[in-house]
């Protein structure tokens, strides 16, 4: 998933649940400024921050690492 799509998904989920940015920040322990920057596409959240936001919204963040085996 591309970063823009991730932002859109989290923002849409927050809006569907009718949760304000202030409430999401408080419940997740993520700073309001950090959340606003993320939703505006200006922030660079850590995986932990994304996980905290997703958890409050009933979502889950998964990280998949590609197998980059060398071909010799």
C-alpha atoms as a PDB file:
ATOM      1  CA  UNK A   1       0.000   0.000   0.000  1.00  0.00           C
ATOM      2  CA  UNK A   2       1.354   3.408  -0.930  1.00  0.00           C
ATOM      3  CA  UNK A   3       1.714   6.068   1.741  1.00  0.00           C
ATOM      4  CA  UNK A   4      -1.045   8.259   0.241  1.00  0.00           C
ATOM      5  CA  UNK A   5      -3.427   5.311   0.274  1.00  0.00           C
ATOM      6  CA  UNK A   6      -2.533   4.555   3.898  1.00  0.00           C
ATOM      7  CA  UNK A   7      -3.292   8.148   4.900  1.00  0.00           C
ATOM      8  CA  UNK A   8      -6.626   8.028   3.071  1.00  0.00           C
ATOM      9  CA  UNK A   9      -7.593   4.691   4.645  1.00  0.00           C
ATOM     10  CA  UNK A  10      -6.878   5.815   8.204  1.00  0.00           C
ATOM     11  CA  UNK A  11      -8.581   9.175   7.726  1.00  0.00           C
ATOM     12  CA  UNK A  12     -11.678   7.561   6.175  1.00  0.00           C
ATOM     13  CA  UNK A  13     -11.892   5.024   9.008  1.00  0.00           C
ATOM     14  CA  UNK A  14     -11.673   7.820  11.578  1.00  0.00           C
ATOM     15  CA  UNK A  15     -14.465   9.711   9.826  1.00  0.00           C
ATOM     16  CA  UNK A  16     -16.691   6.619   9.479  1.00  0.00           C
ATOM     17  CA  UNK A  17     -16.361   6.041  13.221  1.00  0.00           C
ATOM     18  CA  UNK A  18     -17.075   9.743  13.789  1.00  0.00           C
ATOM     19  CA  UNK A  19     -13.914  10.200  15.807  1.00  0.00           C
ATOM     20  CA  UNK A  20     -12.337  13.644  15.842  1.00  0.00           C
ATOM     21  CA  UNK A  21      -8.617  14.129  15.399  1.00  0.00           C
ATOM     22  CA  UNK A  22      -8.472  15.351  18.992  1.00  0.00           C
ATOM     23  CA  UNK A  23     -10.156  12.200  20.323  1.00  0.00           C
ATOM     24  CA  UNK A  24      -8.017   9.880  18.203  1.00  0.00           C
ATOM     25  CA  UNK A  25      -4.865  11.631  19.374  1.00  0.00           C
ATOM     26  CA  UNK A  26      -5.933  11.324  23.002  1.00  0.00           C
ATOM     27  CA  UNK A  27      -6.997   7.672  22.797  1.00  0.00           C
ATOM     28  CA  UNK A  28      -3.934   6.576  20.850  1.00  0.00           C
ATOM     29  CA  UNK A  29      -1.349   8.576  22.763  1.00  0.00           C
ATOM     30  CA  UNK A  30      -0.212  10.204  19.521  1.00  0.00           C
ATOM     31  CA  UNK A  31       0.271  13.968  19.549  1.00  0.00           C
ATOM     32  CA  UNK A  32      -2.444  15.994  17.853  1.00  0.00           C
ATOM     33  CA  UNK A  33       0.142  17.849  15.795  1.00  0.00           C
ATOM     34  CA  UNK A  34       1.639  14.533  14.647  1.00  0.00           C
ATOM     35  CA  UNK A  35      -1.799  13.248  13.642  1.00  0.00           C
ATOM     36  CA  UNK A  36      -2.668  16.426  11.757  1.00  0.00           C
ATOM     37  CA  UNK A  37       0.639  16.344   9.893  1.00  0.00           C
ATOM     38  CA  UNK A  38       0.095  12.685   9.011  1.00  0.00           C
ATOM     39  CA  UNK A  39      -3.431  13.255   7.699  1.00  0.00           C
ATOM     40  CA  UNK A  40      -2.278  16.232   5.643  1.00  0.00           C
ATOM     41  CA  UNK A  41       0.484  14.140   4.065  1.00  0.00           C
ATOM     42  CA  UNK A  42       3.275  16.198   5.613  1.00  0.00           C
ATOM     43  CA  UNK A  43       4.292  13.904   8.443  1.00  0.00           C
ATOM     44  CA  UNK A  44       6.519  10.877   8.492  1.00  0.00           C
ATOM     45  CA  UNK A  45       5.048   8.642  11.196  1.00  0.00           C
ATOM     46  CA  UNK A  46       6.903   5.724  12.691  1.00  0.00           C
ATOM     47  CA  UNK A  47       5.541   2.206  12.489  1.00  0.00           C
ATOM     48  CA  UNK A  48       4.705   2.482  16.201  1.00  0.00           C
ATOM     49  CA  UNK A  49       2.657   5.634  15.601  1.00  0.00           C
ATOM     50  CA  UNK A  50       0.759   3.986  12.751  1.00  0.00           C
ATOM     51  CA  UNK A  51       0.137   0.948  14.924  1.00  0.00           C
ATOM     52  CA  UNK A  52      -1.248   3.082  17.769  1.00  0.00           C
ATOM     53  CA  UNK A  53      -3.628   4.917  15.435  1.00  0.00           C
ATOM     54  CA  UNK A  54      -4.751   1.719  13.724  1.00  0.00           C
ATOM     55  CA  UNK A  55      -5.345  -0.038  17.043  1.00  0.00           C
ATOM     56  CA  UNK A  56      -7.747   2.655  18.263  1.00  0.00           C
ATOM     57  CA  UNK A  57      -9.568   2.521  14.919  1.00  0.00           C
ATOM     58  CA  UNK A  58      -9.950  -1.276  15.051  1.00  0.00           C
ATOM     59  CA  UNK A  59      -7.400  -1.789  12.310  1.00  0.00           C
ATOM     60  CA  UNK A  60      -4.110  -3.613  12.083  1.00  0.00           C
ATOM     61  CA  UNK A  61      -0.786  -2.674  10.524  1.00  0.00           C
ATOM     62  CA  UNK A  62       1.213  -5.468   8.911  1.00  0.00           C
ATOM     63  CA  UNK A  63       4.757  -5.192   7.673  1.00  0.00           C
ATOM     64  CA  UNK A  64       5.906  -7.503   4.916  1.00  0.00           C
ATOM     65  CA  UNK A  65       9.567  -7.729   4.050  1.00  0.00           C
ATOM     66  CA  UNK A  66      10.470  -8.777   0.544  1.00  0.00           C
ATOM     67  CA  UNK A  67      12.888 -11.615   0.058  1.00  0.00           C
ATOM     68  CA  UNK A  68      15.664  -9.997  -1.921  1.00  0.00           C
ATOM     69  CA  UNK A  69      17.806 -13.008  -2.642  1.00  0.00           C
ATOM     70  CA  UNK A  70      20.760 -12.375  -4.896  1.00  0.00           C
ATOM     71  CA  UNK A  71      21.052 -14.044  -8.230  1.00  0.00           C
ATOM     72  CA  UNK A  72      24.636 -14.818  -9.058  1.00  0.00           C
END
